[in-house]
Amino acid sequence: MAKPDSALSTSRRRHLQWEAMLAIVLVVSLAAGRVLSPLFLSAANVSNMLADFTEIALIALPMTLIIVAAEIDLSVASVLGASSALMGVLWHMGLPMPLVIVLVLLFGALAGLLNGLVIVRFNLPSLAVTIGTLALFRGLAYVLLGDQAIADFPAAFTAFGINTLGDTFLPMPFILVIAGAVIFTVLLQATPFGRSLFAIGANPTAAQFSGIDVAKTKLRLFMMSGAMAALAGIVYTLRFTSARGDNGEGFELSVIAAVLFGGVSIFGGRGSMVGVLLSLVIIGVLRNALTLADVSSETLTIVTGALLLSSVLIPNLVARWRAVREKRLMIRGVTE
């Protein structure tokens, strides 16, 4: 029987192999982008590219933790849209923008709490619950604004969404991604809370018996997810200077594709934030390069779907190949 340390080192080695593969894919993607357009590596385009996947990255950070714990949140894009709509309505009512931002973040956390409570209290699958709240929160966004848009936000706040940091090419909203990446990486990889997520994802019953409060942990996860989706909604609204009910529609697929392509197991218990961050950059590079090449939005959706499918299929095929290989080695050892 393999020792725990041996199993852990094997798991880590597989993560490193996947991350190395992602690094190679990133280099190839950058080279392909440079070939497709001479403007690809210009400062202006790199700035646009980073800005364009800011919201997806913000949502993908807590989504990584949720999927590691063998759950999923499909309502994130709808929470983004509802947060954007609520932001517009509250501002239109005359509330000061700092208070609006606080209330929108609180709404996001409460939306996540609703997801978590239904999942935990009624022992329901998160997939089914968040499909329901996906429709609920998107419907709420349309109830708040209909097909209207609110665009008269104060210049001091929209400047944050539009401008870069000083004379650099770094979009100001991307600072939130950098800070979030550091916080969530430490949280997942270097804290007892992060270790508890891997335990829950691997075996929730065993995790409960070992002293982990599984229900409370899941509630915290979904509240984090909701709050970060609301933050993404705020950033999206300020970047495009427009609060609309359909903001962020369809983002959930890109978020889940990034997390799974980053090496996080859809079944929970395995994954790393480094892989997800590499995956996010790859998806951002591919989308930007294809856009510069005048590829249609429908094709971009196909690419996202292909990444999502391959991120589930490839690890499964590799696991089967390893199982067959190990079985053959065992048979060979017995016969010898």
Protein backbone atom coordinates (compact mmCIF):
# COMPACT_ATOMS: atom_id res chain seq x y z
CA MET A 1 0.00 0.00 0.00
CA ALA A 2 1.33 3.46 -0.94
CA LYS A 3 2.32 5.71 1.95
CA PRO A 4 0.43 9.03 2.35
CA ASP A 5 3.59 11.03 1.66
CA SER A 6 4.16 9.00 -1.50
CA ALA A 7 0.57 9.57 -2.65
CA LEU A 8 0.92 13.29 -1.91
CA SER A 9 4.16 13.56 -3.88
CA THR A 10 2.56 11.69 -6.79
CA SER A 11 -0.38 14.11 -6.78
CA ARG A 12 1.96 17.10 -6.65
CA ARG A 13 4.07 15.68 -9.47
CA ARG A 14 0.97 15.33 -11.65
CA HIS A 15 -0.01 18.94 -10.88
CA LEU A 16 3.46 20.09 -11.89
CA GLN A 17 3.25 18.10 -15.12
CA TRP A 18 -0.12 19.69 -15.96
CA GLU A 19 1.16 23.17 -15.07
CA ALA A 20 4.23 22.61 -17.27
CA MET A 21 1.92 21.62 -20.13
CA LEU A 22 -0.13 24.78 -19.56
CA ALA A 23 3.04 26.89 -19.61
CA ILE A 24 3.94 25.36 -22.99
CA VAL A 25 0.42 26.02 -24.30
CA LEU A 26 0.73 29.63 -23.12
CA VAL A 27 4.02 30.13 -24.97
CA VAL A 28 2.53 28.59 -28.13
CA SER A 29 -0.58 30.78 -27.77
CA LEU A 30 1.53 33.92 -27.43
CA ALA A 31 3.56 32.96 -30.49
CA ALA A 32 0.38 32.24 -32.47
CA GLY A 33 -1.09 35.58 -31.42
CA ARG A 34 2.02 37.38 -32.61
CA VAL A 35 1.75 35.63 -35.98
CA LEU A 36 -1.96 36.44 -36.33
CA SER A 37 -1.48 40.15 -35.66
CA PRO A 38 1.56 42.44 -35.38
CA LEU A 39 -0.42 44.47 -32.81
CA PHE A 40 -0.84 41.49 -30.48
CA LEU A 41 2.08 42.28 -28.16
CA SER A 42 1.67 46.05 -28.26
CA ALA A 43 1.22 47.75 -24.88
CA ALA A 44 -2.27 48.95 -25.80
CA ASN A 45 -3.43 45.47 -26.80
CA VAL A 46 -1.89 43.76 -23.77
CA SER A 47 -3.72 46.30 -21.61
CA ASN A 48 -7.00 45.53 -23.38
CA MET A 49 -6.39 41.80 -23.06
CA LEU A 50 -5.81 42.01 -19.30
CA ALA A 51 -8.87 44.20 -18.85
CA ASP A 52 -11.08 41.87 -20.88
CA PHE A 53 -10.63 38.85 -18.60
CA THR A 54 -10.60 40.79 -15.31
CA GLU A 55 -14.17 39.83 -14.37
CA ILE A 56 -13.74 36.18 -15.37
CA ALA A 57 -10.55 35.99 -13.29
CA LEU A 58 -12.21 37.56 -10.24
CA ILE A 59 -15.01 34.99 -10.36
CA ALA A 60 -12.68 32.06 -11.15
CA LEU A 61 -10.67 32.54 -7.93
CA PRO A 62 -13.45 31.50 -5.51
CA MET A 63 -14.84 29.07 -8.10
CA THR A 64 -11.56 27.17 -7.83
CA LEU A 65 -12.12 26.68 -4.11
CA ILE A 66 -15.73 25.62 -4.67
CA ILE A 67 -14.85 22.98 -7.27
CA VAL A 68 -11.96 21.68 -5.14
CA ALA A 69 -14.64 21.08 -2.48
CA ALA A 70 -16.64 19.07 -5.07
CA GLU A 71 -19.31 21.75 -5.54
CA ILE A 72 -20.11 24.20 -8.36
CA ASP A 73 -21.76 27.61 -8.70
CA LEU A 74 -23.47 28.27 -12.03
CA SER A 75 -25.21 31.42 -10.78
CA VAL A 76 -22.09 33.62 -10.76
CA ALA A 77 -22.73 35.40 -14.06
CA SER A 78 -26.31 36.12 -13.05
CA VAL A 79 -25.11 37.51 -9.71
CA LEU A 80 -22.76 39.73 -11.72
CA GLY A 81 -25.67 40.95 -13.84
CA ALA A 82 -27.98 41.49 -10.87
CA SER A 83 -25.19 43.34 -9.02
CA SER A 84 -24.66 45.60 -12.03
CA ALA A 85 -28.39 46.33 -12.26
CA LEU A 86 -28.63 46.97 -8.51
CA MET A 87 -25.63 49.29 -8.70
CA GLY A 88 -27.37 51.33 -11.39
CA VAL A 89 -30.67 51.49 -9.51
CA LEU A 90 -29.07 52.50 -6.20
CA TRP A 91 -26.98 55.20 -7.87
CA HIS A 92 -30.04 56.46 -9.76
CA MET A 93 -31.85 56.71 -6.40
CA GLY A 94 -29.23 59.21 -5.25
CA LEU A 95 -27.14 57.09 -2.87
CA PRO A 96 -23.43 58.00 -2.64
CA MET A 97 -21.23 55.68 -4.71
CA PRO A 98 -19.15 54.30 -1.78
CA LEU A 99 -22.38 53.21 -0.07
CA VAL A 100 -23.67 51.76 -3.36
CA ILE A 101 -20.52 49.64 -3.68
CA VAL A 102 -20.83 48.35 -0.10
CA LEU A 103 -24.51 47.47 -0.59
CA VAL A 104 -23.80 45.68 -3.88
CA LEU A 105 -21.03 43.61 -2.28
CA LEU A 106 -23.41 42.77 0.58
CA PHE A 107 -26.03 41.71 -1.97
CA GLY A 108 -23.49 39.39 -3.61
CA ALA A 109 -22.59 37.80 -0.29
CA LEU A 110 -26.28 37.30 0.55
CA ALA A 111 -26.89 35.77 -2.90
CA GLY A 112 -24.07 33.32 -2.17
CA LEU A 113 -25.49 32.67 1.29
CA LEU A 114 -28.85 31.79 -0.29
CA ASN A 115 -27.14 29.26 -2.56
CA GLY A 116 -25.21 27.79 0.35
CA LEU A 117 -28.18 27.55 2.70
CA VAL A 118 -30.37 25.74 0.16
CA ILE A 119 -27.54 23.34 -0.70
CA VAL A 120 -26.53 22.62 2.90
CA ARG A 121 -29.90 22.65 4.69
CA PHE A 122 -31.73 20.53 2.14
CA ASN A 123 -28.72 18.43 1.11
CA LEU A 124 -29.27 19.26 -2.56
CA PRO A 125 -26.70 19.11 -5.38
CA SER A 126 -25.14 22.50 -6.04
CA LEU A 127 -25.47 21.97 -9.80
CA ALA A 128 -29.28 21.84 -9.59
CA VAL A 129 -29.59 24.63 -7.02
CA THR A 130 -27.37 27.10 -8.85
CA ILE A 131 -29.06 26.41 -12.19
CA GLY A 132 -32.22 27.58 -10.45
CA THR A 133 -30.60 30.67 -8.93
CA LEU A 134 -28.92 31.40 -12.27
CA ALA A 135 -32.41 32.04 -13.64
CA LEU A 136 -33.59 33.73 -10.43
CA PHE A 137 -30.80 36.33 -10.25
CA ARG A 138 -30.85 37.02 -13.99
CA GLY A 139 -34.59 37.52 -13.75
CA LEU A 140 -34.03 39.91 -10.83
CA ALA A 141 -31.59 41.89 -12.97
CA TYR A 142 -34.22 42.32 -15.68
CA VAL A 143 -36.88 43.22 -13.11
CA LEU A 144 -34.61 45.97 -11.76
CA LEU A 145 -33.68 47.50 -15.13
CA GLY A 146 -35.65 45.78 -17.87
CA ASP A 147 -33.94 46.55 -21.17
CA GLN A 148 -32.77 49.96 -19.95
CA ALA A 149 -29.21 51.02 -19.13
CA ILE A 150 -27.91 53.47 -16.55
CA ALA A 151 -24.70 55.18 -17.58
CA ASP A 152 -24.31 58.44 -15.65
CA PHE A 153 -21.81 57.17 -13.07
CA PRO A 154 -19.34 59.64 -11.51
CA ALA A 155 -16.15 60.17 -13.50
CA ALA A 156 -13.95 59.53 -10.47
CA PHE A 157 -15.22 55.92 -10.32
CA THR A 158 -15.44 55.18 -14.05
CA ALA A 159 -11.83 56.37 -14.32
CA PHE A 160 -10.86 53.37 -12.18
CA GLY A 161 -12.54 51.06 -14.66
CA ILE A 162 -11.09 52.69 -17.76
CA ASN A 163 -7.60 53.98 -16.91
CA THR A 164 -4.27 52.23 -16.47
CA LEU A 165 -1.98 52.39 -13.44
CA GLY A 166 0.17 55.49 -13.95
CA ASP A 167 2.15 55.32 -17.18
CA THR A 168 2.06 51.51 -17.30
CA PHE A 169 -0.08 49.26 -19.50
CA LEU A 170 -1.65 47.63 -16.40
CA PRO A 171 -5.41 48.30 -16.20
CA MET A 172 -6.38 49.60 -12.78
CA PRO A 173 -9.10 46.93 -12.24
CA PHE A 174 -6.46 44.25 -12.83
CA ILE A 175 -4.90 45.25 -9.51
CA LEU A 176 -7.90 43.52 -7.91
CA VAL A 177 -7.05 40.34 -9.83
CA ILE A 178 -3.43 40.42 -8.66
CA ALA A 179 -4.46 41.00 -5.04
CA GLY A 180 -7.16 38.34 -5.27
CA ALA A 181 -4.77 35.82 -6.84
CA VAL A 182 -2.33 36.24 -3.95
CA ILE A 183 -5.05 35.99 -1.29
CA PHE A 184 -6.83 32.97 -2.78
CA THR A 185 -3.56 31.14 -3.56
CA VAL A 186 -2.44 31.48 0.05
CA LEU A 187 -5.93 30.57 1.27
CA LEU A 188 -6.06 27.37 -0.80
CA GLN A 189 -2.47 26.19 -0.64
CA ALA A 190 -1.17 27.37 2.74
CA THR A 191 -3.97 27.48 5.33
CA PRO A 192 -5.98 24.92 7.34
CA PHE A 193 -9.09 26.22 5.55
CA GLY A 194 -7.58 25.33 2.18
CA ARG A 195 -6.55 21.88 3.38
CA SER A 196 -10.09 21.32 4.64
CA LEU A 197 -11.42 22.00 1.12
CA PHE A 198 -9.27 19.21 -0.33
CA ALA A 199 -10.48 16.89 2.43
CA ILE A 200 -14.13 17.77 1.78
CA GLY A 201 -13.69 17.30 -1.96
CA ALA A 202 -12.04 13.91 -1.51
CA ASN A 203 -14.50 12.55 1.08
CA PRO A 204 -16.97 14.87 2.85
CA THR A 205 -18.06 12.19 5.34
CA ALA A 206 -14.50 11.49 6.42
CA ALA A 207 -13.84 15.24 6.58
CA GLN A 208 -16.83 15.68 8.91
CA PHE A 209 -15.62 12.87 11.19
CA SER A 210 -12.14 14.44 11.29
CA GLY A 211 -13.61 17.58 12.85
CA ILE A 212 -14.21 19.79 9.80
CA ASP A 213 -17.52 21.67 9.84
CA VAL A 214 -18.46 20.84 6.25
CA ALA A 215 -21.72 22.83 6.25
CA LYS A 216 -20.15 26.02 7.60
CA THR A 217 -17.22 25.69 5.19
CA LYS A 218 -19.55 25.40 2.20
CA LEU A 219 -21.57 28.41 3.35
CA ARG A 220 -18.38 30.46 3.48
CA LEU A 221 -17.39 29.28 0.02
CA PHE A 222 -20.65 30.30 -1.60
CA MET A 223 -20.65 33.65 0.20
CA MET A 224 -17.13 34.28 -1.13
CA SER A 225 -18.29 33.34 -4.61
CA GLY A 226 -21.28 35.68 -4.44
CA ALA A 227 -19.23 38.59 -3.09
CA MET A 228 -16.56 38.16 -5.78
CA ALA A 229 -19.23 37.92 -8.49
CA ALA A 230 -20.69 41.19 -7.16
CA LEU A 231 -17.21 42.75 -7.23
CA ALA A 232 -16.89 41.58 -10.84
CA GLY A 233 -20.26 43.21 -11.54
CA ILE A 234 -19.03 46.51 -10.11
CA VAL A 235 -15.83 46.36 -12.17
CA TYR A 236 -17.74 45.42 -15.34
CA THR A 237 -20.16 48.33 -14.84
CA LEU A 238 -17.34 50.83 -14.31
CA ARG A 239 -15.30 49.51 -17.24
CA PHE A 240 -18.18 49.85 -19.69
CA THR A 241 -19.81 52.77 -17.81
CA SER A 242 -23.15 51.02 -18.15
CA ALA A 243 -25.38 49.09 -15.76
CA ARG A 244 -27.50 46.57 -17.67
CA GLY A 245 -29.47 43.48 -16.77
CA ASP A 246 -27.65 41.37 -19.36
CA ASN A 247 -24.12 42.27 -18.24
CA GLY A 248 -21.90 39.20 -17.92
CA GLU A 249 -24.36 36.86 -19.61
CA GLY A 250 -22.67 33.52 -20.36
CA PHE A 251 -19.58 34.22 -18.24
CA GLU A 252 -20.15 31.09 -16.14
CA LEU A 253 -18.95 28.84 -18.98
CA SER A 254 -15.68 30.75 -19.39
CA VAL A 255 -15.12 30.69 -15.62
CA ILE A 256 -15.68 26.94 -15.30
CA ALA A 257 -13.61 26.25 -18.42
CA ALA A 258 -10.71 28.22 -16.92
CA VAL A 259 -10.89 26.37 -13.60
CA LEU A 260 -11.14 22.89 -15.11
CA PHE A 261 -8.54 23.56 -17.82
CA GLY A 262 -6.30 24.72 -14.97
CA GLY A 263 -6.23 21.16 -13.66
CA VAL A 264 -8.90 21.28 -10.95
CA SER A 265 -10.82 18.00 -10.86
CA ILE A 266 -14.55 18.33 -11.54
CA PHE A 267 -14.99 15.59 -8.92
CA GLY A 268 -13.21 17.65 -6.24
CA GLY A 269 -10.23 16.97 -4.01
CA ARG A 270 -7.54 17.98 -6.52
CA GLY A 271 -6.30 21.20 -8.05
CA SER A 272 -3.97 24.16 -7.70
CA MET A 273 -4.37 27.90 -8.07
CA VAL A 274 -1.20 28.16 -10.20
CA GLY A 275 -2.78 25.99 -12.89
CA VAL A 276 -5.96 28.06 -12.85
CA LEU A 277 -4.01 31.33 -13.19
CA LEU A 278 -2.10 29.92 -16.17
CA SER A 279 -5.37 28.73 -17.67
CA LEU A 280 -6.93 32.19 -17.26
CA VAL A 281 -4.05 33.82 -19.11
CA ILE A 282 -4.24 31.21 -21.89
CA ILE A 283 -7.96 31.79 -22.38
CA GLY A 284 -7.43 35.56 -22.34
CA VAL A 285 -4.65 35.28 -24.92
CA LEU A 286 -6.67 32.98 -27.20
CA ARG A 287 -9.79 35.14 -27.08
CA ASN A 288 -7.79 38.29 -27.76
CA ALA A 289 -5.78 36.76 -30.60
CA LEU A 290 -8.89 35.36 -32.29
CA THR A 291 -10.68 38.70 -31.90
CA LEU A 292 -7.75 40.50 -33.57
CA ALA A 293 -8.00 37.94 -36.37
CA ASP A 294 -11.68 38.96 -36.87
CA VAL A 295 -12.98 35.62 -35.63
CA SER A 296 -16.70 35.73 -34.83
CA SER A 297 -18.10 35.63 -31.29
CA GLU A 298 -19.77 32.31 -32.17
CA THR A 299 -16.36 30.80 -32.87
CA LEU A 300 -15.07 32.12 -29.55
CA THR A 301 -17.96 30.30 -27.86
CA ILE A 302 -16.97 27.11 -29.70
CA VAL A 303 -13.38 27.53 -28.47
CA THR A 304 -14.61 27.95 -24.89
CA GLY A 305 -16.75 24.82 -25.21
CA ALA A 306 -13.84 22.86 -26.67
CA LEU A 307 -11.61 23.91 -23.76
CA LEU A 308 -14.31 22.90 -21.28
CA LEU A 309 -14.73 19.50 -22.93
CA SER A 310 -10.99 18.85 -23.21
CA SER A 311 -10.40 19.86 -19.59
CA VAL A 312 -12.74 17.06 -18.48
CA LEU A 313 -11.83 14.52 -21.15
CA ILE A 314 -8.02 14.71 -21.11
CA PRO A 315 -7.52 14.00 -17.36
CA ASN A 316 -10.00 11.12 -17.63
CA LEU A 317 -8.11 9.58 -20.57
CA VAL A 318 -4.77 10.07 -18.82
CA ALA A 319 -6.12 8.41 -15.64
CA ARG A 320 -7.36 5.44 -17.66
CA TRP A 321 -4.02 5.13 -19.44
CA ARG A 322 -2.17 5.20 -16.10
CA ALA A 323 -4.51 2.56 -14.64
CA VAL A 324 -3.96 0.25 -17.62
CA ARG A 325 -0.20 0.84 -17.47
CA GLU A 326 -0.02 0.11 -13.73
CA LYS A 327 -2.11 -3.04 -14.19
CA ARG A 328 0.22 -4.29 -16.91
CA LEU A 329 3.26 -3.59 -14.74
CA MET A 330 1.66 -5.52 -11.86
CA ILE A 331 0.88 -8.48 -14.13
CA ARG A 332 4.41 -8.41 -15.51
CA GLY A 333 5.80 -8.37 -11.96
CA VAL A 334 3.67 -11.38 -10.96
CA THR A 335 4.63 -13.42 -14.02
CA GLU A 336 8.30 -12.71 -13.51
